[in-house]
Amino acid sequence: MEEKLEKQLIRLGDADLLGNKPLYLALRKIKGVSYSLANAVCIISSIEKNRKIGNISDDELKKIEDIIKNPAKYGIKGFMFNRRKDRETGEDRHLISSNLKLTTEFDIKRMKMIKSYKGIRHTQGQPVRGQRTKAHFRKGSAVGVAKKKAAPAKAKS
């Protein structure tokens, strides 16, 4: 027999998660949560990975959200964090959703401002991490051969 879902849509970590998805896969829809972190959250919260997220109680959801926001408090190792040795504080942090996006934008702006190699590549719209550019990353006038448009034929008088 199938269990009936309690909730169809769950708001967790600034993301809307479908209630019919397993917990492990639903956590992946939150920006900043990787496969390994989603697995660690399932183990620490002692909730089965394949349990539908719509059937999870509100108390368990609060605990899951707290684990995602403060993973160090629950003993998750620093290599799973997405911001190790933060520039401002020097400590390992884990950011999710809009905080992650905003911090990434600030990092790119800083690289552009100090004119580092990566910043220059960001400014030019080129690949930043050493990829080759002969075949890929071609857009605009760099693609193909531009043909001249044919002039309309003149009418005979």
C-alpha atoms as a PDB file:
ATOM      1  CA  MET A   1       0.000   0.000   0.000  1.00  0.00           C
ATOM      2  CA  GLU A   2       1.205   3.470  -0.810  1.00  0.00           C
ATOM      3  CA  GLU A   3       1.450   6.084   1.883  1.00  0.00           C
ATOM      4  CA  LYS A   4      -0.530   9.226   1.297  1.00  0.00           C
ATOM      5  CA  LEU A   5       1.591  12.376   1.189  1.00  0.00           C
ATOM      6  CA  GLU A   6       0.975  14.883   3.930  1.00  0.00           C
ATOM      7  CA  LYS A   7       2.466  17.830   2.029  1.00  0.00           C
ATOM      8  CA  GLN A   8       2.871  18.386  -1.691  1.00  0.00           C
ATOM      9  CA  LEU A   9       5.365  21.265  -1.482  1.00  0.00           C
ATOM     10  CA  ILE A  10       7.959  21.894   1.224  1.00  0.00           C
ATOM     11  CA  ARG A  11       9.924  25.102   1.710  1.00  0.00           C
ATOM     12  CA  LEU A  12      13.414  24.254   2.938  1.00  0.00           C
ATOM     13  CA  GLY A  13      16.548  26.382   2.651  1.00  0.00           C
ATOM     14  CA  ASP A  14      14.964  28.988   0.330  1.00  0.00           C
ATOM     15  CA  ALA A  15      13.937  26.265  -2.138  1.00  0.00           C
ATOM     16  CA  ASP A  16      10.583  24.675  -2.937  1.00  0.00           C
ATOM     17  CA  LEU A  17      10.859  20.893  -2.781  1.00  0.00           C
ATOM     18  CA  LEU A  18       8.294  18.479  -4.204  1.00  0.00           C
ATOM     19  CA  GLY A  19       6.759  16.230  -1.560  1.00  0.00           C
ATOM     20  CA  ASN A  20       6.854  13.072  -3.697  1.00  0.00           C
ATOM     21  CA  LYS A  21      10.683  13.031  -3.952  1.00  0.00           C
ATOM     22  CA  PRO A  22      12.919  10.974  -1.670  1.00  0.00           C
ATOM     23  CA  LEU A  23      14.683  13.014   1.005  1.00  0.00           C
ATOM     24  CA  TYR A  24      18.154  12.399  -0.419  1.00  0.00           C
ATOM     25  CA  LEU A  25      17.230  13.670  -3.902  1.00  0.00           C
ATOM     26  CA  ALA A  26      15.067  16.537  -2.654  1.00  0.00           C
ATOM     27  CA  LEU A  27      17.904  17.969  -0.567  1.00  0.00           C
ATOM     28  CA  ARG A  28      20.003  18.158  -3.742  1.00  0.00           C
ATOM     29  CA  LYS A  29      17.574  20.765  -5.130  1.00  0.00           C
ATOM     30  CA  ILE A  30      18.788  23.269  -2.504  1.00  0.00           C
ATOM     31  CA  LYS A  31      21.565  25.413  -3.972  1.00  0.00           C
ATOM     32  CA  GLY A  32      24.784  24.607  -2.128  1.00  0.00           C
ATOM     33  CA  VAL A  33      23.886  21.069  -1.011  1.00  0.00           C
ATOM     34  CA  SER A  34      26.017  18.365  -2.639  1.00  0.00           C
ATOM     35  CA  TYR A  35      25.466  14.614  -2.825  1.00  0.00           C
ATOM     36  CA  SER A  36      27.862  13.987   0.048  1.00  0.00           C
ATOM     37  CA  LEU A  37      26.284  16.646   2.276  1.00  0.00           C
ATOM     38  CA  ALA A  38      22.769  15.352   1.526  1.00  0.00           C
ATOM     39  CA  ASN A  39      23.932  11.872   2.502  1.00  0.00           C
ATOM     40  CA  ALA A  40      25.519  13.187   5.716  1.00  0.00           C
ATOM     41  CA  VAL A  41      22.314  15.062   6.621  1.00  0.00           C
ATOM     42  CA  CYS A  42      20.277  11.866   6.189  1.00  0.00           C
ATOM     43  CA  ILE A  43      22.672   9.902   8.402  1.00  0.00           C
ATOM     44  CA  ILE A  44      22.922  12.552  11.146  1.00  0.00           C
ATOM     45  CA  SER A  45      19.178  13.173  11.284  1.00  0.00           C
ATOM     46  CA  SER A  46      18.661   9.360  11.308  1.00  0.00           C
ATOM     47  CA  ILE A  47      15.970   9.566   8.618  1.00  0.00           C
ATOM     48  CA  GLU A  48      15.856   6.990   5.846  1.00  0.00           C
ATOM     49  CA  LYS A  49      17.186   8.373   2.532  1.00  0.00           C
ATOM     50  CA  ASN A  50      14.349   6.977   0.430  1.00  0.00           C
ATOM     51  CA  ARG A  51      11.563   8.303   2.655  1.00  0.00           C
ATOM     52  CA  LYS A  52       9.381  10.840   0.847  1.00  0.00           C
ATOM     53  CA  ILE A  53      10.023  14.377   2.023  1.00  0.00           C
ATOM     54  CA  GLY A  54       6.275  15.071   2.096  1.00  0.00           C
ATOM     55  CA  ASN A  55       5.861  12.503   4.897  1.00  0.00           C
ATOM     56  CA  ILE A  56       8.513  14.010   7.171  1.00  0.00           C
ATOM     57  CA  SER A  57       7.269  15.828  10.279  1.00  0.00           C
ATOM     58  CA  ASP A  58       7.834  19.536  10.930  1.00  0.00           C
ATOM     59  CA  ASP A  59      10.241  18.842  13.800  1.00  0.00           C
ATOM     60  CA  GLU A  60      12.392  16.652  11.569  1.00  0.00           C
ATOM     61  CA  LEU A  61      12.335  19.314   8.838  1.00  0.00           C
ATOM     62  CA  LYS A  62      13.527  21.939  11.336  1.00  0.00           C
ATOM     63  CA  LYS A  63      16.363  19.639  12.380  1.00  0.00           C
ATOM     64  CA  ILE A  64      17.317  19.014   8.731  1.00  0.00           C
ATOM     65  CA  GLU A  65      17.346  22.748   8.027  1.00  0.00           C
ATOM     66  CA  ASP A  66      19.515  23.389  11.086  1.00  0.00           C
ATOM     67  CA  ILE A  67      21.972  20.684   9.985  1.00  0.00           C
ATOM     68  CA  ILE A  68      22.222  22.232   6.510  1.00  0.00           C
ATOM     69  CA  LYS A  69      22.751  25.753   7.884  1.00  0.00           C
ATOM     70  CA  ASN A  70      25.204  24.745  10.666  1.00  0.00           C
ATOM     71  CA  PRO A  71      26.918  21.517   9.588  1.00  0.00           C
ATOM     72  CA  ALA A  72      29.965  22.009  11.848  1.00  0.00           C
ATOM     73  CA  LYS A  73      27.717  21.956  14.925  1.00  0.00           C
ATOM     74  CA  TYR A  74      26.697  18.388  14.061  1.00  0.00           C
ATOM     75  CA  GLY A  75      30.220  17.088  13.405  1.00  0.00           C
ATOM     76  CA  ILE A  76      30.263  17.234   9.601  1.00  0.00           C
ATOM     77  CA  LYS A  77      33.875  17.504   8.420  1.00  0.00           C
ATOM     78  CA  GLY A  78      35.199  20.681   6.799  1.00  0.00           C
ATOM     79  CA  PHE A  79      35.954  19.075   3.429  1.00  0.00           C
ATOM     80  CA  MET A  80      32.190  18.909   2.741  1.00  0.00           C
ATOM     81  CA  PHE A  81      31.759  22.675   3.138  1.00  0.00           C
ATOM     82  CA  ASN A  82      31.579  24.862   0.058  1.00  0.00           C
ATOM     83  CA  ARG A  83      33.612  27.759   1.497  1.00  0.00           C
ATOM     84  CA  ARG A  84      36.784  26.524   3.168  1.00  0.00           C
ATOM     85  CA  LYS A  85      39.194  29.063   4.674  1.00  0.00           C
ATOM     86  CA  ASP A  86      36.895  32.023   4.061  1.00  0.00           C
ATOM     87  CA  ARG A  87      38.690  35.233   3.077  1.00  0.00           C
ATOM     88  CA  GLU A  88      37.118  37.432   5.787  1.00  0.00           C
ATOM     89  CA  THR A  89      37.026  35.060   8.750  1.00  0.00           C
ATOM     90  CA  GLY A  90      39.591  32.385   7.850  1.00  0.00           C
ATOM     91  CA  GLU A  91      37.285  29.585   9.015  1.00  0.00           C
ATOM     92  CA  ASP A  92      35.368  26.889   7.164  1.00  0.00           C
ATOM     93  CA  ARG A  93      31.799  27.950   6.328  1.00  0.00           C
ATOM     94  CA  HIS A  94      28.901  26.432   4.431  1.00  0.00           C
ATOM     95  CA  LEU A  95      26.626  28.757   2.468  1.00  0.00           C
ATOM     96  CA  ILE A  96      23.320  27.930   0.822  1.00  0.00           C
ATOM     97  CA  SER A  97      20.908  29.594  -1.612  1.00  0.00           C
ATOM     98  CA  SER A  98      21.144  33.380  -2.003  1.00  0.00           C
ATOM     99  CA  ASN A  99      24.098  33.743   0.389  1.00  0.00           C
ATOM    100  CA  LEU A 100      26.153  31.423  -1.824  1.00  0.00           C
ATOM    101  CA  LYS A 101      25.189  33.283  -4.989  1.00  0.00           C
ATOM    102  CA  LEU A 102      25.928  36.698  -3.470  1.00  0.00           C
ATOM    103  CA  THR A 103      29.315  35.625  -2.099  1.00  0.00           C
ATOM    104  CA  THR A 104      30.318  34.153  -5.466  1.00  0.00           C
ATOM    105  CA  GLU A 105      29.389  37.414  -7.211  1.00  0.00           C
ATOM    106  CA  PHE A 106      31.479  39.389  -4.720  1.00  0.00           C
ATOM    107  CA  ASP A 107      34.450  37.065  -5.293  1.00  0.00           C
ATOM    108  CA  ILE A 108      34.236  37.562  -9.065  1.00  0.00           C
ATOM    109  CA  LYS A 109      33.927  41.357  -8.664  1.00  0.00           C
ATOM    110  CA  ARG A 110      36.989  41.343  -6.407  1.00  0.00           C
ATOM    111  CA  MET A 111      38.992  39.354  -8.976  1.00  0.00           C
ATOM    112  CA  LYS A 112      37.959  41.829 -11.686  1.00  0.00           C
ATOM    113  CA  MET A 113      38.860  44.811  -9.501  1.00  0.00           C
ATOM    114  CA  ILE A 114      42.379  43.600  -8.673  1.00  0.00           C
ATOM    115  CA  LYS A 115      42.798  42.511 -12.313  1.00  0.00           C
ATOM    116  CA  SER A 116      43.917  38.969 -11.555  1.00  0.00           C
ATOM    117  CA  TYR A 117      44.196  36.524 -14.445  1.00  0.00           C
ATOM    118  CA  LYS A 118      40.872  34.942 -13.536  1.00  0.00           C
ATOM    119  CA  GLY A 119      39.274  38.382 -13.224  1.00  0.00           C
ATOM    120  CA  ILE A 120      40.480  39.379 -16.690  1.00  0.00           C
ATOM    121  CA  ARG A 121      39.115  36.138 -18.150  1.00  0.00           C
ATOM    122  CA  HIS A 122      35.746  36.784 -16.459  1.00  0.00           C
ATOM    123  CA  THR A 123      35.687  40.303 -17.922  1.00  0.00           C
ATOM    124  CA  GLN A 124      36.443  39.047 -21.438  1.00  0.00           C
ATOM    125  CA  GLY A 125      33.864  36.273 -21.219  1.00  0.00           C
ATOM    126  CA  GLN A 126      36.569  33.643 -21.764  1.00  0.00           C
ATOM    127  CA  PRO A 127      36.914  30.320 -19.920  1.00  0.00           C
ATOM    128  CA  VAL A 128      38.575  30.849 -16.565  1.00  0.00           C
ATOM    129  CA  ARG A 129      39.962  27.441 -15.660  1.00  0.00           C
ATOM    130  CA  GLY A 130      42.366  26.756 -18.524  1.00  0.00           C
ATOM    131  CA  GLN A 131      40.077  25.152 -21.091  1.00  0.00           C
ATOM    132  CA  ARG A 132      41.025  25.407 -24.751  1.00  0.00           C
ATOM    133  CA  THR A 133      39.105  27.904 -26.837  1.00  0.00           C
ATOM    134  CA  LYS A 134      39.606  26.748 -30.419  1.00  0.00           C
ATOM    135  CA  ALA A 135      36.446  24.651 -30.666  1.00  0.00           C
ATOM    136  CA  HIS A 136      34.291  25.700 -27.707  1.00  0.00           C
ATOM    137  CA  PHE A 137      33.387  29.010 -26.074  1.00  0.00           C
ATOM    138  CA  ARG A 138      32.801  30.521 -29.506  1.00  0.00           C
ATOM    139  CA  LYS A 139      29.988  32.997 -29.746  1.00  0.00           C
ATOM    140  CA  GLY A 140      29.139  36.051 -31.757  1.00  0.00           C
ATOM    141  CA  SER A 141      31.377  36.956 -34.706  1.00  0.00           C
ATOM    142  CA  ALA A 142      33.897  34.193 -33.925  1.00  0.00           C
ATOM    143  CA  VAL A 143      31.532  31.505 -35.241  1.00  0.00           C
ATOM    144  CA  GLY A 144      31.563  30.573 -38.919  1.00  0.00           C
ATOM    145  CA  VAL A 145      31.924  32.806 -41.940  1.00  0.00           C
ATOM    146  CA  ALA A 146      29.740  35.878 -42.316  1.00  0.00           C
ATOM    147  CA  LYS A 147      28.278  36.109 -45.823  1.00  0.00           C
ATOM    148  CA  LYS A 148      27.239  39.356 -47.426  1.00  0.00           C
ATOM    149  CA  LYS A 149      23.549  39.763 -48.030  1.00  0.00           C
ATOM    150  CA  ALA A 150      22.597  39.834 -51.715  1.00  0.00           C
ATOM    151  CA  ALA A 151      21.393  43.208 -52.943  1.00  0.00           C
ATOM    152  CA  PRO A 152      17.828  43.224 -54.302  1.00  0.00           C
ATOM    153  CA  ALA A 153      17.651  43.020 -58.105  1.00  0.00           C
ATOM    154  CA  LYS A 154      16.932  46.260 -59.912  1.00  0.00           C
ATOM    155  CA  ALA A 155      13.722  46.351 -61.931  1.00  0.00           C
ATOM    156  CA  LYS A 156      14.137  46.914 -65.704  1.00  0.00           C
ATOM    157  CA  SER A 157      12.405  50.009 -67.031  1.00  0.00           C
END
